[in-house]
Protein backbone atom coordinates (compact mmCIF):
# COMPACT_ATOMS: atom_id res chain seq x y z
CA MET A 1 9.67 6.10 61.05
CA ASN A 2 10.41 8.32 57.93
CA LYS A 3 7.58 8.24 55.30
CA GLY A 4 9.18 10.56 52.85
CA VAL A 5 11.41 9.86 49.80
CA THR A 6 15.13 10.61 49.85
CA LEU A 7 16.86 12.52 47.11
CA ILE A 8 18.87 9.43 46.32
CA GLU A 9 15.73 7.22 45.93
CA LEU A 10 14.25 9.92 43.67
CA ILE A 11 17.36 10.17 41.56
CA LEU A 12 17.51 6.32 41.22
CA PHE A 13 13.87 6.32 40.11
CA ILE A 14 14.50 8.95 37.43
CA VAL A 15 17.60 6.80 36.19
CA VAL A 16 15.51 3.70 36.08
CA ILE A 17 12.78 5.24 34.25
CA GLY A 18 15.05 7.02 31.83
CA ILE A 19 16.81 3.73 31.05
CA ALA A 20 13.50 1.64 30.50
CA LEU A 21 11.20 4.21 28.90
CA PRO A 22 12.90 4.62 25.54
CA PRO A 23 12.95 1.08 24.38
CA LEU A 24 9.14 1.02 25.28
CA LEU A 25 8.49 3.95 23.25
CA ILE A 26 10.54 2.67 20.24
CA LEU A 27 8.49 -0.64 20.48
CA SER A 28 5.31 1.35 20.77
CA SER A 29 6.02 3.52 17.69
CA GLN A 30 7.34 0.63 15.74
CA ALA A 31 3.76 -1.22 16.44
CA VAL A 32 1.90 1.95 15.49
CA TYR A 33 3.74 2.21 11.99
CA ASN A 34 3.44 -1.50 11.25
CA SER A 35 -0.27 -1.25 11.83
CA LEU A 36 -0.50 1.71 9.52
CA VAL A 37 1.71 -0.31 6.87
CA GLU A 38 -0.95 -3.20 6.95
CA GLU A 39 -3.80 -0.85 6.73
CA ILE A 40 -2.42 0.80 3.58
CA GLN A 41 -1.57 -2.54 2.10
CA PHE A 42 -5.14 -3.76 2.81
CA THR A 43 -6.77 -0.87 1.53
CA SER A 44 -4.41 -0.81 -1.71
CA VAL A 45 -5.28 -4.48 -2.47
CA SER A 46 -9.10 -3.60 -2.16
CA LEU A 47 -8.83 -0.60 -4.43
CA ALA A 48 -6.67 -2.40 -7.04
CA ASN A 49 -9.18 -5.21 -7.22
CA GLU A 50 -12.01 -2.56 -7.85
CA VAL A 51 -9.97 -0.98 -10.53
CA ILE A 52 -9.64 -4.37 -12.28
CA GLU A 53 -13.30 -5.16 -11.88
CA GLY A 54 -13.87 -1.78 -13.54
CA ILE A 55 -11.57 -2.65 -16.45
CA LYS A 56 -13.39 -5.87 -17.04
CA GLY A 57 -16.56 -3.96 -17.88
CA LYS A 58 -14.72 -2.11 -20.68
CA SER A 59 -14.37 -3.47 -24.26
CA PHE A 60 -11.05 -4.93 -25.20
CA LYS A 61 -9.94 -1.85 -27.46
CA ASN A 62 -10.71 0.58 -24.68
CA ILE A 63 -8.51 -1.00 -22.26
CA VAL A 64 -5.52 1.45 -22.29
CA SER A 65 -2.80 2.78 -19.83
CA GLU A 66 -3.59 5.59 -17.87
CA GLY A 67 -3.00 7.59 -14.47
CA PRO A 68 -2.06 8.45 -12.12
CA ILE A 69 -5.84 8.95 -11.18
CA TYR A 70 -6.66 9.78 -7.64
CA PHE A 71 -9.64 8.10 -5.95
CA SER A 72 -12.26 10.37 -4.42
CA GLU A 73 -13.75 10.93 -0.88
CA ASN A 74 -12.43 8.60 1.63
CA PHE A 75 -9.69 7.35 -0.46
CA SER A 76 -8.54 10.68 -1.77
CA LYS A 77 -4.88 9.85 -0.59
CA TYR A 78 -4.72 7.05 -2.94
CA SER A 79 -4.06 6.92 -6.61
CA TYR A 80 -3.83 4.25 -9.34
CA THR A 81 -1.98 3.84 -12.48
CA ILE A 82 -3.04 1.37 -15.19
CA THR A 83 -0.27 -0.04 -17.34
CA VAL A 84 -1.34 -2.05 -20.59
CA SER A 85 0.87 -4.18 -22.78
CA TYR A 86 0.01 -6.73 -25.48
CA VAL A 87 1.44 -10.42 -24.60
CA ASN A 88 1.43 -13.57 -26.75
CA PRO A 89 -0.50 -16.65 -25.58
CA ASP A 90 2.69 -17.61 -23.86
CA LEU A 91 2.61 -14.45 -21.94
CA THR A 92 5.79 -12.90 -23.58
CA GLU A 93 5.47 -9.32 -24.12
CA THR A 94 5.13 -8.18 -27.73
CA ALA A 95 4.73 -4.84 -29.37
CA ILE A 96 2.47 -6.36 -32.01
CA PRO A 97 -1.32 -6.27 -31.08
CA THR A 98 -2.69 -9.68 -30.04
CA ASN A 99 -5.85 -10.93 -28.49
CA TYR A 100 -4.18 -10.87 -25.12
CA LYS A 101 -3.41 -7.73 -22.64
CA ARG A 102 -1.53 -7.74 -19.59
CA ILE A 103 -3.10 -5.42 -17.25
CA THR A 104 -1.07 -4.00 -14.21
CA VAL A 105 -2.79 -1.78 -11.65
CA THR A 106 -0.43 0.18 -9.25
CA ILE A 107 -1.83 1.60 -6.22
CA SER A 108 0.11 4.56 -4.56
CA ASN A 109 -0.70 6.56 -1.49
CA ASP A 110 0.50 9.91 -0.18
CA ILE A 111 0.52 8.64 3.58
CA ILE A 112 3.71 6.45 3.16
CA PRO A 113 4.77 7.12 -0.57
CA GLU A 114 7.29 4.08 -0.40
CA ILE A 115 4.44 1.70 -0.17
CA LYS A 116 3.08 0.62 -3.67
CA THR A 117 0.79 -2.20 -4.44
CA SER A 118 0.40 -3.77 -7.95
CA ILE A 119 -2.04 -6.48 -9.21
CA THR A 120 -1.53 -7.86 -12.51
CA THR A 121 -4.08 -9.67 -14.70
CA ILE A 122 -4.57 -11.10 -18.33
CA ILE A 123 -7.45 -9.89 -20.43
CA THR A 124 -8.34 -11.60 -23.73
CA ASN A 125 -10.40 -10.60 -26.65
CA LEU A 126 -11.52 -14.19 -27.32
CA LEU A 127 -15.04 -15.30 -27.14
């Protein structure tokens, strides 16, 4: 009784692994990429909400466009841009100052630069 592996069996094993392994590696790398994208999007939304909360604490006249500005410490690969425009009560944009401002906070990142997250809100100067 022969307990060894023949050359033919070894070659067949290598061929089967060579055919089966690449699709598994592709699926694995795609899963890692998708996980990273989800993490970036979640972090970006959280950071955008934080910026908007900071804007709400400013006086109406001090809310202006600015950026890009990088976050510090743990989020140093993320930056934000604030875009401010006046709008009418019906939310149509206008160049004339009104009591309404549309604020858009856009979060960018250096990890996957194509991924940008924006949150828009309206701030009023009405009491």
